[in-house]
Amino acid sequence: MSSQIDRVKPAAYISPSGIRTEFRYQNEFQKEFSHKIGEFEFSDLGGSYYQDLDITGDSLPIICHFSGKDCDLQADDFEDTLREKGHGTLEHPVYGIKNVQIGKILRRENPLLAGGKVTFELEFFETIELQPDQTSEFNASEAEKLLDESNIANAENYAKNMLLNTLTRINEARDNVKAKLETVKKKLDFVSKVAGDITNAFNAGLGDLLDATDILIKKPLTLALQMQYVLQLPSSAVSSIANRFKSYQELLFDVLELDAQGNSSMKNLPPTAIARNQISNAELFGVATIGAMSKSASVTNYENRPQALQIAAQLKSNYEILTKILDDLQSNFDGELLFNQYFSQSELHQQIRTLLFSVIADIQKRALDLKIEKRFELKKATHYITICNEYYNDISNETLEFFEKTNNLTGDDFFLLPKNKEIIVYI
């Protein structure tokens, strides 16, 4: 039997125009799974190669290098291919062929090594294949239509799954819904910092729902529709996409009752009607949260390519965690009578998947027109106006302020940036 090293293939990148570049890497590999969504933590493996810890593999960081007397020229040619507009192909040494977009480039040069060496730390993002009906223009009204369809399917599924034929079951379900609504209020508090109609509607709607839960719990379809409407209101609030996503991710983790290892405490529930109702509540809130995140991602004007592609990757990751947890909880009821089992409707997942992947495809399409993040170390002390002139061909106040913000300039940086300082530009 061949060893892992024997199974490792050469690494290469094929640009949108078809230029293929092989590159060297360290053939030492590690893949760990993590439920820390949105943080994109990376593990450094000796300075030549590293692989992300995200459970989905949507983000594909890799470190490669060129060495020898012409390494700088090879690196320049390679960087030119990375900057081509369009989808490229990454021939990953372990995970195979992936359709990708480049999000971030960090270039380091060490001419003092024998023959010289140029190292790239790259972050690729795997892209999804567009379906025939996803190649046309996608807009906010289309996203809203798909969200409405998903919400209706979610509410209908909820009404079918809830068992409310005894007073005990009704009271337990009511208390669980109220607890989740309080979680919504706590986790989406960012909207309270934004004045406007959305804030007023969210606060009023949430208050009305909490007051009416005693009555609406007996009308699960109406409850589910109203709850989703209120939960999704902050998705288009005037706030940064980072704030909105962070809040909705925390909400998702709380309604699924996940621990630090990504396991749901509901897995310990016995296969009873009360447990089925509790899981159904979690599914209702969880799917509604994915819908809110999809809407939020669809209405955002992204500043650069890595920001857009990270949001797309996080959106897909959160959905996969939701479905993994729900599938796992469904196994709690294995062996029970069909009437007593908890299960998700495949029709529901078709609706939310259509919304999710339409939004992701649209983000990835828009990302092609956004700038890539490039990082490099200064070879000598340089004034930042000189860098702006070189990379942006512009030294207006707006450009200078953008550079100051993205590079966190302070104190003496405004007079002269020191040698070896890491610089961020968007190209």
Protein backbone atom coordinates (compact mmCIF):
# COMPACT_ATOMS: atom_id res chain seq x y z
CA MET A 1 0.00 0.00 0.00
CA SER A 2 1.35 3.45 -0.92
CA SER A 3 2.15 5.98 1.80
CA GLN A 4 0.57 9.41 2.10
CA ILE A 5 3.71 11.00 0.68
CA ASP A 6 3.49 8.71 -2.37
CA ARG A 7 -0.10 9.83 -2.94
CA VAL A 8 0.74 13.54 -2.83
CA LYS A 9 0.54 15.10 -6.29
CA PRO A 10 2.30 18.16 -7.71
CA ALA A 11 0.69 21.50 -6.88
CA ALA A 12 -0.23 23.98 -9.59
CA TYR A 13 -2.52 26.87 -10.43
CA ILE A 14 -4.20 27.35 -13.81
CA SER A 15 -5.20 30.95 -14.45
CA PRO A 16 -8.47 32.00 -16.12
CA SER A 17 -6.55 32.44 -19.41
CA GLY A 18 -5.14 28.89 -19.14
CA ILE A 19 -1.60 29.57 -17.91
CA ARG A 20 -0.47 26.69 -15.69
CA THR A 21 2.18 27.32 -13.02
CA GLU A 22 3.61 24.56 -10.86
CA PHE A 23 4.99 25.59 -7.48
CA ARG A 24 6.93 24.01 -4.65
CA TYR A 25 5.49 23.29 -1.23
CA GLN A 26 6.37 21.35 1.88
CA ASN A 27 4.93 17.83 1.61
CA GLU A 28 3.73 17.70 5.19
CA PHE A 29 -0.03 17.81 5.58
CA GLN A 30 -2.60 18.22 8.26
CA LYS A 31 -6.38 18.46 8.08
CA GLU A 32 -8.45 19.13 11.16
CA PHE A 33 -12.16 19.79 11.39
CA SER A 34 -13.48 22.72 13.39
CA HIS A 35 -16.90 24.22 14.04
CA LYS A 36 -15.44 27.70 14.58
CA ILE A 37 -17.32 29.30 11.73
CA GLY A 38 -16.21 32.64 10.37
CA GLU A 39 -12.88 32.84 12.14
CA PHE A 40 -10.82 31.10 9.42
CA GLU A 41 -8.04 29.89 11.67
CA PHE A 42 -4.97 28.51 9.93
CA SER A 43 -2.23 26.13 11.02
CA ASP A 44 1.34 26.93 9.92
CA LEU A 45 3.31 23.87 8.85
CA GLY A 46 6.94 24.91 8.77
CA GLY A 47 6.56 28.03 6.68
CA SER A 48 6.03 26.40 3.29
CA TYR A 49 2.44 25.12 3.39
CA TYR A 50 -0.63 25.47 5.53
CA GLN A 51 -4.22 24.29 5.37
CA ASP A 52 -7.35 25.80 6.88
CA LEU A 53 -9.29 24.29 9.77
CA ASP A 54 -12.74 25.11 8.36
CA ILE A 55 -14.95 22.04 8.24
CA THR A 56 -16.11 22.67 4.66
CA GLY A 57 -12.79 23.37 2.97
CA ASP A 58 -14.26 26.40 1.17
CA SER A 59 -11.19 28.41 2.09
CA LEU A 60 -7.97 26.88 0.71
CA PRO A 61 -4.89 28.68 2.04
CA ILE A 62 -1.56 27.45 0.77
CA ILE A 63 2.06 28.62 0.99
CA CYS A 64 4.28 28.12 -2.02
CA HIS A 65 7.72 29.35 -3.04
CA PHE A 66 10.03 29.94 -5.95
CA SER A 67 13.80 29.77 -5.56
CA GLY A 68 16.90 30.25 -7.70
CA LYS A 69 18.48 33.14 -9.53
CA ASP A 70 15.31 33.89 -11.53
CA CYS A 71 12.89 33.37 -8.66
CA ASP A 72 11.80 37.01 -8.61
CA LEU A 73 10.91 36.90 -12.32
CA GLN A 74 9.05 33.59 -11.90
CA ALA A 75 7.19 35.11 -8.94
CA ASP A 76 6.25 38.18 -10.99
CA ASP A 77 4.83 35.98 -13.76
CA PHE A 78 2.94 33.89 -11.22
CA GLU A 79 1.49 36.97 -9.53
CA ASP A 80 0.30 38.23 -12.92
CA THR A 81 -1.69 35.00 -13.41
CA LEU A 82 -3.18 35.34 -9.92
CA ARG A 83 -4.40 38.82 -10.80
CA GLU A 84 -6.27 37.72 -13.93
CA LYS A 85 -10.01 38.25 -13.78
CA GLY A 86 -12.12 35.10 -13.66
CA HIS A 87 -12.24 31.65 -12.07
CA GLY A 88 -9.01 29.67 -11.90
CA THR A 89 -8.21 26.04 -11.12
CA LEU A 90 -6.12 24.95 -8.16
CA GLU A 91 -4.46 21.54 -8.45
CA HIS A 92 -4.20 20.96 -4.73
CA PRO A 93 -1.51 18.47 -3.68
CA VAL A 94 -3.89 16.64 -1.32
CA TYR A 95 -7.49 17.68 -1.98
CA GLY A 96 -7.45 17.47 -5.75
CA ILE A 97 -8.70 19.82 -8.43
CA LYS A 98 -10.75 22.78 -7.19
CA ASN A 99 -12.41 25.64 -9.04
CA VAL A 100 -11.28 28.75 -7.18
CA GLN A 101 -10.98 32.49 -6.93
CA ILE A 102 -7.97 34.10 -5.32
CA GLY A 103 -8.81 36.31 -2.35
CA LYS A 104 -5.51 37.23 -0.68
CA ILE A 105 -1.86 37.37 -1.71
CA LEU A 106 1.01 37.83 0.72
CA ARG A 107 4.44 38.02 -0.93
CA ARG A 108 7.74 37.73 0.92
CA GLU A 109 11.19 37.99 -0.65
CA ASN A 110 14.49 36.80 0.80
CA PRO A 111 17.32 37.61 -1.63
CA LEU A 112 19.95 36.72 0.97
CA LEU A 113 19.27 32.99 0.72
CA ALA A 114 21.46 31.08 -1.72
CA GLY A 115 20.07 31.95 -5.12
CA GLY A 116 17.17 33.88 -3.57
CA LYS A 117 13.66 32.85 -2.58
CA VAL A 118 10.16 34.32 -2.99
CA THR A 119 7.34 32.96 -0.85
CA PHE A 120 3.61 33.43 -1.42
CA GLU A 121 0.96 32.92 1.25
CA LEU A 122 -2.24 32.57 -0.75
CA GLU A 123 -5.87 32.23 0.23
CA PHE A 124 -8.03 30.63 -2.44
CA PHE A 125 -11.78 30.19 -2.13
CA GLU A 126 -13.52 27.25 -3.72
CA THR A 127 -16.37 28.33 -6.01
CA ILE A 128 -19.59 26.50 -6.74
CA GLU A 129 -20.61 25.50 -10.24
CA LEU A 130 -23.36 27.69 -11.64
CA GLN A 131 -26.55 25.94 -12.62
CA PRO A 132 -28.30 26.96 -15.89
CA ASP A 133 -30.91 29.00 -13.99
CA GLN A 134 -28.21 30.79 -11.95
CA THR A 135 -26.37 32.40 -14.86
CA SER A 136 -28.83 35.29 -15.22
CA GLU A 137 -28.67 38.44 -13.14
CA PHE A 138 -29.65 37.92 -9.51
CA ASN A 139 -31.11 40.83 -7.56
CA ALA A 140 -32.61 41.74 -4.21
CA SER A 141 -36.19 41.12 -5.35
CA GLU A 142 -35.29 37.59 -6.49
CA ALA A 143 -33.62 36.93 -3.13
CA GLU A 144 -36.72 38.22 -1.33
CA LYS A 145 -38.95 35.92 -3.40
CA LEU A 146 -36.79 32.86 -2.63
CA LEU A 147 -36.72 33.81 1.06
CA ASP A 148 -40.52 34.01 1.16
CA GLU A 149 -40.77 30.54 -0.41
CA SER A 150 -38.28 29.16 2.11
CA ASN A 151 -40.14 30.74 5.03
CA ILE A 152 -43.46 29.25 3.93
CA ALA A 153 -41.92 25.77 3.57
CA ASN A 154 -40.19 26.16 6.94
CA ALA A 155 -43.44 27.19 8.66
CA GLU A 156 -45.40 24.35 7.09
CA ASN A 157 -42.77 21.85 8.17
CA TYR A 158 -42.86 23.27 11.71
CA ALA A 159 -46.65 22.98 11.91
CA LYS A 160 -46.47 19.34 10.76
CA ASN A 161 -43.76 18.39 13.24
CA MET A 162 -45.20 19.99 16.38
CA LEU A 163 -47.17 17.67 18.69
CA LEU A 164 -49.50 19.90 20.74
CA ASN A 165 -52.28 17.53 21.79
CA THR A 166 -51.76 17.78 25.58
CA LEU A 167 -51.50 20.75 27.96
CA THR A 168 -48.04 19.67 29.08
CA ARG A 169 -46.73 19.60 25.53
CA ILE A 170 -48.28 23.00 24.79
CA ASN A 171 -46.75 24.59 27.90
CA GLU A 172 -43.29 23.09 27.29
CA ALA A 173 -43.33 24.21 23.66
CA ARG A 174 -44.48 27.71 24.65
CA ASP A 175 -41.70 28.10 27.20
CA ASN A 176 -39.12 26.88 24.69
CA VAL A 177 -40.33 29.34 22.04
CA LYS A 178 -40.21 32.21 24.53
CA ALA A 179 -36.68 31.27 25.55
CA LYS A 180 -35.59 31.30 21.90
CA LEU A 181 -37.27 34.64 21.28
CA GLU A 182 -35.33 36.06 24.24
CA THR A 183 -32.18 34.67 22.59
CA VAL A 184 -33.14 36.46 19.37
CA LYS A 185 -33.55 39.70 21.33
CA LYS A 186 -30.15 39.27 22.98
CA LYS A 187 -28.12 38.13 19.98
CA LEU A 188 -29.58 40.65 17.52
CA ASP A 189 -29.15 43.62 19.85
CA PHE A 190 -26.90 45.29 17.24
CA VAL A 191 -30.08 46.51 15.56
CA SER A 192 -30.91 48.58 18.65
CA LYS A 193 -27.85 50.72 17.89
CA VAL A 194 -29.23 51.59 14.45
CA ALA A 195 -32.02 54.16 14.41
CA GLY A 196 -34.79 53.78 11.86
CA ASP A 197 -37.91 51.93 10.79
CA ILE A 198 -36.24 48.49 10.93
CA THR A 199 -35.26 48.96 14.57
CA ASN A 200 -38.76 50.10 15.53
CA ALA A 201 -40.41 47.25 13.63
CA PHE A 202 -38.04 44.67 15.15
CA ASN A 203 -38.56 45.84 18.74
CA ALA A 204 -42.32 46.14 18.35
CA GLY A 205 -42.68 42.82 16.54
CA LEU A 206 -40.57 40.95 19.06
CA GLY A 207 -42.51 42.44 21.96
CA ASP A 208 -45.83 41.51 20.37
CA LEU A 209 -44.65 37.96 19.72
CA LEU A 210 -43.52 37.46 23.31
CA ASP A 211 -46.87 38.76 24.56
CA ALA A 212 -48.87 36.58 22.15
CA THR A 213 -46.91 33.31 22.42
CA ASP A 214 -49.45 31.81 24.82
CA ILE A 215 -52.09 32.10 22.10
CA LEU A 216 -49.97 31.60 18.98
CA ILE A 217 -48.39 28.36 20.24
CA LYS A 218 -51.74 26.76 19.43
CA LYS A 219 -51.46 28.15 15.88
CA PRO A 220 -47.95 26.96 14.95
CA LEU A 221 -48.17 27.96 11.27
CA THR A 222 -49.04 31.57 12.14
CA LEU A 223 -46.43 31.64 14.90
CA ALA A 224 -43.70 30.35 12.58
CA LEU A 225 -44.46 32.88 9.83
CA GLN A 226 -44.51 35.83 12.23
CA MET A 227 -41.40 34.69 14.08
CA GLN A 228 -39.38 34.38 10.86
CA TYR A 229 -40.50 37.81 9.71
CA VAL A 230 -39.30 39.42 12.94
CA LEU A 231 -36.05 37.43 13.14
CA GLN A 232 -35.11 38.41 9.58
CA LEU A 233 -35.84 42.14 9.89
CA PRO A 234 -32.31 43.07 11.10
CA SER A 235 -30.74 41.29 8.11
CA SER A 236 -30.97 44.49 6.05
CA ALA A 237 -30.23 46.94 8.86
CA VAL A 238 -27.69 49.69 8.23
CA SER A 239 -24.79 47.90 9.91
CA SER A 240 -21.60 46.25 8.71
CA ILE A 241 -21.90 42.78 7.22
CA ALA A 242 -19.39 41.62 9.83
CA ASN A 243 -21.67 42.73 12.68
CA ARG A 244 -24.75 41.21 11.09
CA PHE A 245 -23.08 37.87 10.35
CA LYS A 246 -21.46 37.63 13.77
CA SER A 247 -24.80 38.22 15.47
CA TYR A 248 -26.68 35.71 13.33
CA GLN A 249 -23.94 33.09 13.70
CA GLU A 250 -24.10 33.39 17.47
CA LEU A 251 -27.88 33.12 17.29
CA LEU A 252 -27.63 29.96 15.17
CA PHE A 253 -25.20 28.33 17.60
CA ASP A 254 -27.43 29.20 20.55
CA VAL A 255 -30.69 27.89 19.07
CA LEU A 256 -28.90 24.65 18.13
CA GLU A 257 -27.51 24.52 21.70
CA LEU A 258 -23.95 23.87 20.54
CA ASP A 259 -21.03 23.43 22.91
CA ALA A 260 -17.41 24.43 22.27
CA GLN A 261 -16.83 21.20 20.31
CA GLY A 262 -19.82 21.85 18.02
CA ASN A 263 -22.07 19.19 19.57
CA SER A 264 -25.70 19.90 20.43
CA SER A 265 -26.91 19.27 23.96
CA MET A 266 -30.22 18.20 22.39
CA LYS A 267 -28.48 15.00 21.34
CA ASN A 268 -29.04 13.83 24.92
CA LEU A 269 -32.81 14.28 24.71
CA PRO A 270 -34.98 11.13 24.94
CA PRO A 271 -37.23 10.30 21.94
CA THR A 272 -40.35 11.93 23.39
CA ALA A 273 -42.97 14.30 21.99
CA ILE A 274 -41.60 17.14 24.12
CA ALA A 275 -38.11 16.53 22.72
CA ARG A 276 -39.50 16.43 19.19
CA ASN A 277 -41.13 19.83 19.76
CA GLN A 278 -37.91 21.26 21.18
CA ILE A 279 -35.89 20.10 18.15
CA SER A 280 -38.60 21.41 15.80
CA ASN A 281 -38.31 24.81 17.48
CA ALA A 282 -34.55 24.71 16.94
CA GLU A 283 -35.03 23.79 13.28
CA LEU A 284 -37.52 26.60 12.74
CA PHE A 285 -35.20 29.21 14.25
CA GLY A 286 -32.10 27.69 12.63
CA VAL A 287 -33.45 27.64 9.07
CA ALA A 288 -34.89 31.14 9.55
CA THR A 289 -31.44 32.32 10.64
CA ILE A 290 -29.82 30.87 7.51
CA GLY A 291 -32.49 32.68 5.51
CA ALA A 292 -31.64 35.94 7.29
CA MET A 293 -27.93 35.48 6.64
CA SER A 294 -28.62 34.75 2.97
CA LYS A 295 -30.67 37.92 2.64
CA SER A 296 -28.05 39.93 4.52
CA ALA A 297 -25.30 38.64 2.23
CA SER A 298 -27.34 39.36 -0.90
CA VAL A 299 -27.96 43.06 -0.10
CA THR A 300 -24.37 43.86 0.88
CA ASN A 301 -22.07 45.97 -1.29
CA TYR A 302 -18.68 44.37 -0.69
CA GLU A 303 -15.51 46.43 -0.44
CA ASN A 304 -13.05 43.84 -1.76
CA ARG A 305 -12.85 40.26 -3.00
CA PRO A 306 -11.68 38.49 0.19
CA GLN A 307 -14.51 40.08 2.15
CA ALA A 308 -17.10 38.85 -0.36
CA LEU A 309 -15.66 35.35 -0.69
CA GLN A 310 -15.30 34.91 3.07
CA ILE A 311 -18.98 35.77 3.55
CA ALA A 312 -19.96 33.24 0.86
CA ALA A 313 -17.81 30.56 2.53
CA GLN A 314 -19.20 31.33 5.99
CA LEU A 315 -22.76 31.19 4.69
CA LYS A 316 -22.23 27.71 3.25
CA SER A 317 -20.42 26.55 6.40
CA ASN A 318 -23.26 27.62 8.67
CA TYR A 319 -25.84 25.84 6.54
CA GLU A 320 -23.79 22.63 6.56
CA ILE A 321 -23.50 22.77 10.35
CA LEU A 322 -27.26 23.26 10.63
CA THR A 323 -28.04 20.24 8.44
CA LYS A 324 -25.41 18.10 10.16
CA ILE A 325 -26.90 18.84 13.58
CA LEU A 326 -30.48 18.22 12.41
CA ASP A 327 -29.54 14.92 10.77
CA ASP A 328 -27.75 13.89 13.94
CA LEU A 329 -30.76 14.78 16.10
CA GLN A 330 -33.08 12.85 13.81
CA SER A 331 -31.19 9.69 14.76
CA ASN A 332 -32.45 10.19 18.35
CA PHE A 333 -35.77 8.80 17.14
CA ASP A 334 -34.50 5.74 15.30
CA GLY A 335 -36.71 2.75 16.10
CA GLU A 336 -39.68 4.86 17.23
CA LEU A 337 -43.08 4.67 15.59
CA LEU A 338 -43.22 6.86 12.49
CA PHE A 339 -45.85 9.10 14.08
CA ASN A 340 -43.52 9.90 16.98
CA GLN A 341 -40.37 10.51 14.94
CA TYR A 342 -38.82 13.89 14.25
CA PHE A 343 -37.76 14.39 10.66
CA SER A 344 -37.07 17.27 8.27
CA GLN A 345 -39.00 17.67 5.05
CA SER A 346 -36.78 17.35 1.97
CA GLU A 347 -38.95 19.99 0.31
CA LEU A 348 -37.92 22.46 2.99
CA HIS A 349 -34.25 21.85 2.38
CA GLN A 350 -34.75 22.24 -1.35
CA GLN A 351 -36.19 25.72 -0.76
CA ILE A 352 -33.43 26.93 1.55
CA ARG A 353 -30.73 25.37 -0.66
CA THR A 354 -32.08 27.19 -3.70
CA LEU A 355 -31.88 30.49 -1.82
CA LEU A 356 -28.48 29.73 -0.30
CA PHE A 357 -26.67 28.67 -3.46
CA SER A 358 -28.27 31.40 -5.57
CA VAL A 359 -26.89 33.97 -3.14
CA ILE A 360 -23.46 32.31 -3.01
CA ALA A 361 -23.27 32.10 -6.81
CA ASP A 362 -24.21 35.78 -7.07
CA ILE A 363 -21.56 36.82 -4.51
CA GLN A 364 -18.86 34.84 -6.30
CA LYS A 365 -19.88 36.38 -9.60
CA ARG A 366 -19.74 39.91 -8.15
CA ALA A 367 -16.40 39.15 -6.50
CA LEU A 368 -14.73 38.91 -9.91
CA ASP A 369 -15.05 42.69 -10.23
CA LEU A 370 -13.62 43.34 -6.75
CA LYS A 371 -10.00 43.89 -5.83
CA ILE A 372 -7.66 41.24 -4.40
CA GLU A 373 -5.82 41.86 -1.14
CA LYS A 374 -2.04 41.90 -1.51
CA ARG A 375 0.45 42.08 1.36
CA PHE A 376 4.19 42.64 1.12
CA GLU A 377 7.11 43.84 3.24
CA LEU A 378 8.85 47.10 2.44
CA LYS A 379 12.39 46.67 1.16
CA LYS A 380 13.28 50.15 2.40
CA ALA A 381 11.73 52.98 4.38
CA THR A 382 9.05 54.58 2.19
CA HIS A 383 6.49 57.37 2.43
CA TYR A 384 2.96 56.02 2.16
CA ILE A 385 2.04 58.58 -0.50
CA THR A 386 4.64 56.90 -2.74
CA ILE A 387 2.93 53.51 -2.24
CA CYS A 388 -0.51 54.97 -3.01
CA ASN A 389 0.84 56.53 -6.18
CA GLU A 390 2.43 53.22 -7.27
CA TYR A 391 -0.48 50.86 -6.55
CA TYR A 392 -3.53 53.13 -6.86
CA ASN A 393 -2.16 55.74 -9.25
CA ASP A 394 -3.95 58.25 -7.04
CA ILE A 395 -3.01 60.40 -4.04
CA SER A 396 -6.36 62.03 -3.37
CA ASN A 397 -7.50 62.46 0.24
CA GLU A 398 -9.96 59.59 -0.20
CA THR A 399 -7.23 57.17 -1.34
CA LEU A 400 -4.79 58.29 1.35
CA GLU A 401 -7.44 57.88 4.05
CA PHE A 402 -8.29 54.41 2.72
CA PHE A 403 -4.61 53.39 2.90
CA GLU A 404 -4.26 54.84 6.40
CA LYS A 405 -7.31 52.88 7.57
CA THR A 406 -6.45 49.53 5.97
CA ASN A 407 -2.84 49.70 7.25
CA ASN A 408 -3.64 51.12 10.71
CA LEU A 409 -1.10 53.94 10.38
CA THR A 410 -0.14 55.68 13.61
CA GLY A 411 2.48 58.17 14.83
CA ASP A 412 5.68 58.16 12.79
CA ASP A 413 4.03 56.05 10.06
CA PHE A 414 2.64 59.26 8.62
CA PHE A 415 6.15 60.59 8.07
CA LEU A 416 7.94 57.45 6.90
CA LEU A 417 7.01 53.78 6.89
CA PRO A 418 9.91 51.68 8.24
CA LYS A 419 11.74 48.98 6.34
CA ASN A 420 10.17 45.48 6.65
CA LYS A 421 6.76 46.86 7.61
CA GLU A 422 3.98 44.71 6.16
CA ILE A 423 1.80 46.69 3.76
CA ILE A 424 -1.74 45.94 2.56
CA VAL A 425 -2.97 47.11 -0.83
CA TYR A 426 -5.91 46.13 -3.01
CA ILE A 427 -5.15 45.39 -6.65
